[in-house]
């Protein structure tokens, strides 16, 4: 999704590259957040802008789904 939002081939995205330097803008980020929320992920604009790298975003999105039952 991120590569598509940036109009880049997936192979051109280094996990530690600043996604804003690669062309991500706030409107594209809001669109991504909307897609992720629709799929059940709870992530905020602020969380994603704090560390705008693919690795950081993957870690945030890999957290437990909101409907996961705590033990």
N, C-alpha and C. Protein backbone atom coordinates (compact mmCIF):
# COMPACT_ATOMS: atom_id res chain seq x y z
N UNK A 1 0.81 -1.20 0.00
CA UNK A 1 0.00 0.00 0.00
C UNK A 1 0.86 1.27 0.00
N UNK A 2 1.90 1.24 0.79
CA UNK A 2 2.75 2.43 0.91
C UNK A 2 3.44 2.71 -0.42
N UNK A 3 3.98 1.68 -1.04
CA UNK A 3 4.64 1.87 -2.33
C UNK A 3 3.67 2.44 -3.35
N UNK A 4 2.46 1.93 -3.37
CA UNK A 4 1.45 2.42 -4.31
C UNK A 4 1.12 3.89 -4.03
N UNK A 5 1.03 4.26 -2.76
CA UNK A 5 0.73 5.66 -2.40
C UNK A 5 1.83 6.60 -2.86
N UNK A 6 3.06 6.07 -2.93
CA UNK A 6 4.20 6.87 -3.36
C UNK A 6 4.49 6.74 -4.85
N UNK A 7 3.73 5.89 -5.51
CA UNK A 7 3.98 5.59 -6.93
C UNK A 7 5.40 5.11 -7.17
N UNK A 8 5.86 4.21 -6.29
CA UNK A 8 7.20 3.65 -6.38
C UNK A 8 7.10 2.12 -6.44
N UNK A 9 8.05 1.49 -7.11
CA UNK A 9 8.12 0.03 -7.03
C UNK A 9 8.45 -0.39 -5.60
N UNK A 10 7.90 -1.51 -5.17
CA UNK A 10 8.12 -1.98 -3.80
C UNK A 10 9.62 -2.10 -3.51
N UNK A 11 10.40 -2.54 -4.46
CA UNK A 11 11.83 -2.70 -4.26
C UNK A 11 12.59 -1.41 -4.02
N UNK A 12 11.98 -0.28 -4.31
CA UNK A 12 12.63 1.01 -4.10
C UNK A 12 12.42 1.57 -2.69
N UNK A 13 11.68 0.86 -1.85
CA UNK A 13 11.42 1.33 -0.50
C UNK A 13 12.36 0.67 0.49
N UNK A 14 13.33 1.41 0.97
CA UNK A 14 14.19 0.91 2.05
C UNK A 14 13.42 1.04 3.36
N UNK A 15 13.56 0.06 4.23
CA UNK A 15 12.80 0.06 5.48
C UNK A 15 13.09 1.25 6.37
N UNK A 16 14.26 1.86 6.21
CA UNK A 16 14.63 2.97 7.09
C UNK A 16 14.56 4.33 6.39
N UNK A 17 14.10 4.36 5.16
CA UNK A 17 14.00 5.63 4.43
C UNK A 17 12.86 6.47 4.98
N UNK A 18 13.05 7.76 5.04
CA UNK A 18 12.00 8.69 5.46
C UNK A 18 10.96 8.76 4.35
N UNK A 19 9.75 8.32 4.64
CA UNK A 19 8.71 8.24 3.61
C UNK A 19 8.27 9.62 3.13
N UNK A 20 8.41 10.64 3.95
CA UNK A 20 8.08 11.99 3.51
C UNK A 20 9.12 12.51 2.53
N UNK A 21 10.36 12.14 2.71
CA UNK A 21 11.40 12.52 1.75
C UNK A 21 11.20 11.82 0.41
N UNK A 22 10.54 10.65 0.44
CA UNK A 22 10.27 9.91 -0.79
C UNK A 22 9.00 10.40 -1.50
N UNK A 23 8.29 11.35 -0.89
CA UNK A 23 7.13 11.92 -1.55
C UNK A 23 5.80 11.73 -0.85
N UNK A 24 5.79 11.08 0.31
CA UNK A 24 4.54 10.92 1.05
C UNK A 24 4.08 12.31 1.49
N UNK A 25 2.80 12.56 1.37
CA UNK A 25 2.25 13.82 1.87
C UNK A 25 1.10 13.51 2.81
N UNK A 26 0.59 14.52 3.48
CA UNK A 26 -0.43 14.30 4.50
C UNK A 26 -1.71 13.70 3.93
N UNK A 27 -2.10 14.09 2.73
CA UNK A 27 -3.32 13.54 2.15
C UNK A 27 -3.17 12.06 1.82
N UNK A 28 -2.03 11.68 1.29
CA UNK A 28 -1.79 10.26 1.00
C UNK A 28 -1.75 9.46 2.31
N UNK A 29 -1.15 10.04 3.35
CA UNK A 29 -1.10 9.36 4.64
C UNK A 29 -2.49 9.17 5.22
N UNK A 30 -3.33 10.18 5.11
CA UNK A 30 -4.70 10.05 5.61
C UNK A 30 -5.45 8.96 4.85
N UNK A 31 -5.22 8.85 3.55
CA UNK A 31 -5.85 7.77 2.77
C UNK A 31 -5.38 6.40 3.26
N UNK A 32 -4.09 6.27 3.54
CA UNK A 32 -3.57 5.01 4.05
C UNK A 32 -4.17 4.69 5.42
N UNK A 33 -4.24 5.67 6.29
CA UNK A 33 -4.82 5.47 7.61
C UNK A 33 -6.26 4.99 7.49
N UNK A 34 -7.01 5.58 6.58
CA UNK A 34 -8.40 5.17 6.37
C UNK A 34 -8.47 3.71 5.94
N UNK A 35 -7.61 3.29 5.02
CA UNK A 35 -7.58 1.89 4.58
C UNK A 35 -7.22 0.96 5.72
N UNK A 36 -6.22 1.34 6.50
CA UNK A 36 -5.81 0.49 7.62
C UNK A 36 -6.89 0.40 8.68
N UNK A 37 -7.57 1.49 8.95
CA UNK A 37 -8.66 1.46 9.94
C UNK A 37 -9.81 0.60 9.46
N UNK A 38 -10.10 0.65 8.19
CA UNK A 38 -11.15 -0.20 7.63
C UNK A 38 -10.82 -1.68 7.76
N UNK A 39 -9.53 -1.99 7.77
CA UNK A 39 -9.12 -3.38 7.92
C UNK A 39 -8.94 -3.77 9.40
N UNK A 40 -9.31 -2.86 10.30
CA UNK A 40 -9.30 -3.18 11.72
C UNK A 40 -8.10 -2.71 12.51
N UNK A 41 -7.22 -1.95 11.90
CA UNK A 41 -6.04 -1.44 12.59
C UNK A 41 -6.33 -0.08 13.19
N UNK A 42 -5.85 0.13 14.40
CA UNK A 42 -6.03 1.41 15.07
C UNK A 42 -4.68 2.13 15.08
N UNK A 43 -4.55 3.10 14.20
CA UNK A 43 -3.30 3.84 14.09
C UNK A 43 -3.65 5.30 13.85
N UNK A 44 -2.84 6.20 14.40
CA UNK A 44 -3.15 7.62 14.26
C UNK A 44 -2.13 8.31 13.35
N UNK A 45 -2.55 9.45 12.85
CA UNK A 45 -1.68 10.30 12.03
C UNK A 45 -0.42 10.65 12.82
N UNK A 46 -0.60 11.01 14.09
CA UNK A 46 0.53 11.41 14.92
C UNK A 46 1.53 10.28 15.10
N UNK A 47 1.04 9.06 15.32
CA UNK A 47 1.94 7.91 15.48
C UNK A 47 2.79 7.70 14.23
N UNK A 48 2.16 7.82 13.09
CA UNK A 48 2.86 7.56 11.83
C UNK A 48 3.83 8.68 11.46
N UNK A 49 3.51 9.91 11.80
CA UNK A 49 4.42 11.01 11.47
C UNK A 49 5.59 11.11 12.44
N UNK A 50 5.44 10.50 13.61
CA UNK A 50 6.52 10.53 14.61
C UNK A 50 7.78 9.85 14.08
N UNK A 51 7.63 8.76 13.37
CA UNK A 51 8.77 8.03 12.81
C UNK A 51 8.33 7.50 11.43
N UNK A 52 8.44 8.33 10.41
CA UNK A 52 7.89 7.98 9.09
C UNK A 52 8.78 7.05 8.26
N UNK A 53 9.03 5.87 8.80
CA UNK A 53 9.78 4.87 8.04
C UNK A 53 8.92 3.63 7.89
N UNK A 54 9.19 2.86 6.87
CA UNK A 54 8.44 1.64 6.63
C UNK A 54 8.58 0.68 7.81
N UNK A 55 9.77 0.57 8.36
CA UNK A 55 10.00 -0.33 9.50
C UNK A 55 9.14 0.07 10.70
N UNK A 56 9.09 1.36 11.00
CA UNK A 56 8.30 1.84 12.14
C UNK A 56 6.81 1.61 11.90
N UNK A 57 6.37 1.86 10.68
CA UNK A 57 4.96 1.67 10.37
C UNK A 57 4.58 0.20 10.42
N UNK A 58 5.45 -0.67 9.96
CA UNK A 58 5.19 -2.10 10.03
C UNK A 58 5.05 -2.54 11.48
N UNK A 59 5.90 -2.03 12.36
CA UNK A 59 5.83 -2.37 13.78
C UNK A 59 4.52 -1.90 14.39
N UNK A 60 4.10 -0.69 14.06
CA UNK A 60 2.83 -0.18 14.59
C UNK A 60 1.65 -1.01 14.10
N UNK A 61 1.68 -1.34 12.83
CA UNK A 61 0.56 -2.08 12.24
C UNK A 61 0.56 -3.56 12.61
N UNK A 62 1.69 -4.07 13.09
CA UNK A 62 1.78 -5.47 13.46
C UNK A 62 1.26 -5.74 14.86
N UNK A 63 0.92 -4.68 15.58
CA UNK A 63 0.40 -4.85 16.93
C UNK A 63 -0.89 -5.65 16.91
N UNK A 64 -1.38 -6.00 18.07
CA UNK A 64 -2.60 -6.80 18.12
C UNK A 64 -3.79 -6.07 17.51
N UNK A 65 -4.63 -6.81 16.83
CA UNK A 65 -5.84 -6.23 16.25
C UNK A 65 -6.75 -5.76 17.38
N UNK A 66 -7.54 -4.72 17.14
CA UNK A 66 -8.38 -4.16 18.19
C UNK A 66 -9.35 -5.15 18.79
N UNK A 67 -9.75 -6.17 18.05
CA UNK A 67 -10.72 -7.13 18.57
C UNK A 67 -10.04 -8.35 19.21
N UNK A 68 -8.72 -8.29 19.36
CA UNK A 68 -7.99 -9.39 19.99
C UNK A 68 -8.35 -9.45 21.47
N UNK A 69 -8.50 -10.65 21.96
CA UNK A 69 -8.86 -10.85 23.37
C UNK A 69 -7.60 -10.92 24.20
N UNK A 70 -7.53 -10.11 25.26
CA UNK A 70 -6.37 -10.11 26.15
C UNK A 70 -6.46 -11.31 27.08
N UNK A 71 -5.31 -11.92 27.35
CA UNK A 71 -5.28 -13.07 28.25
C UNK A 71 -5.22 -12.63 29.69
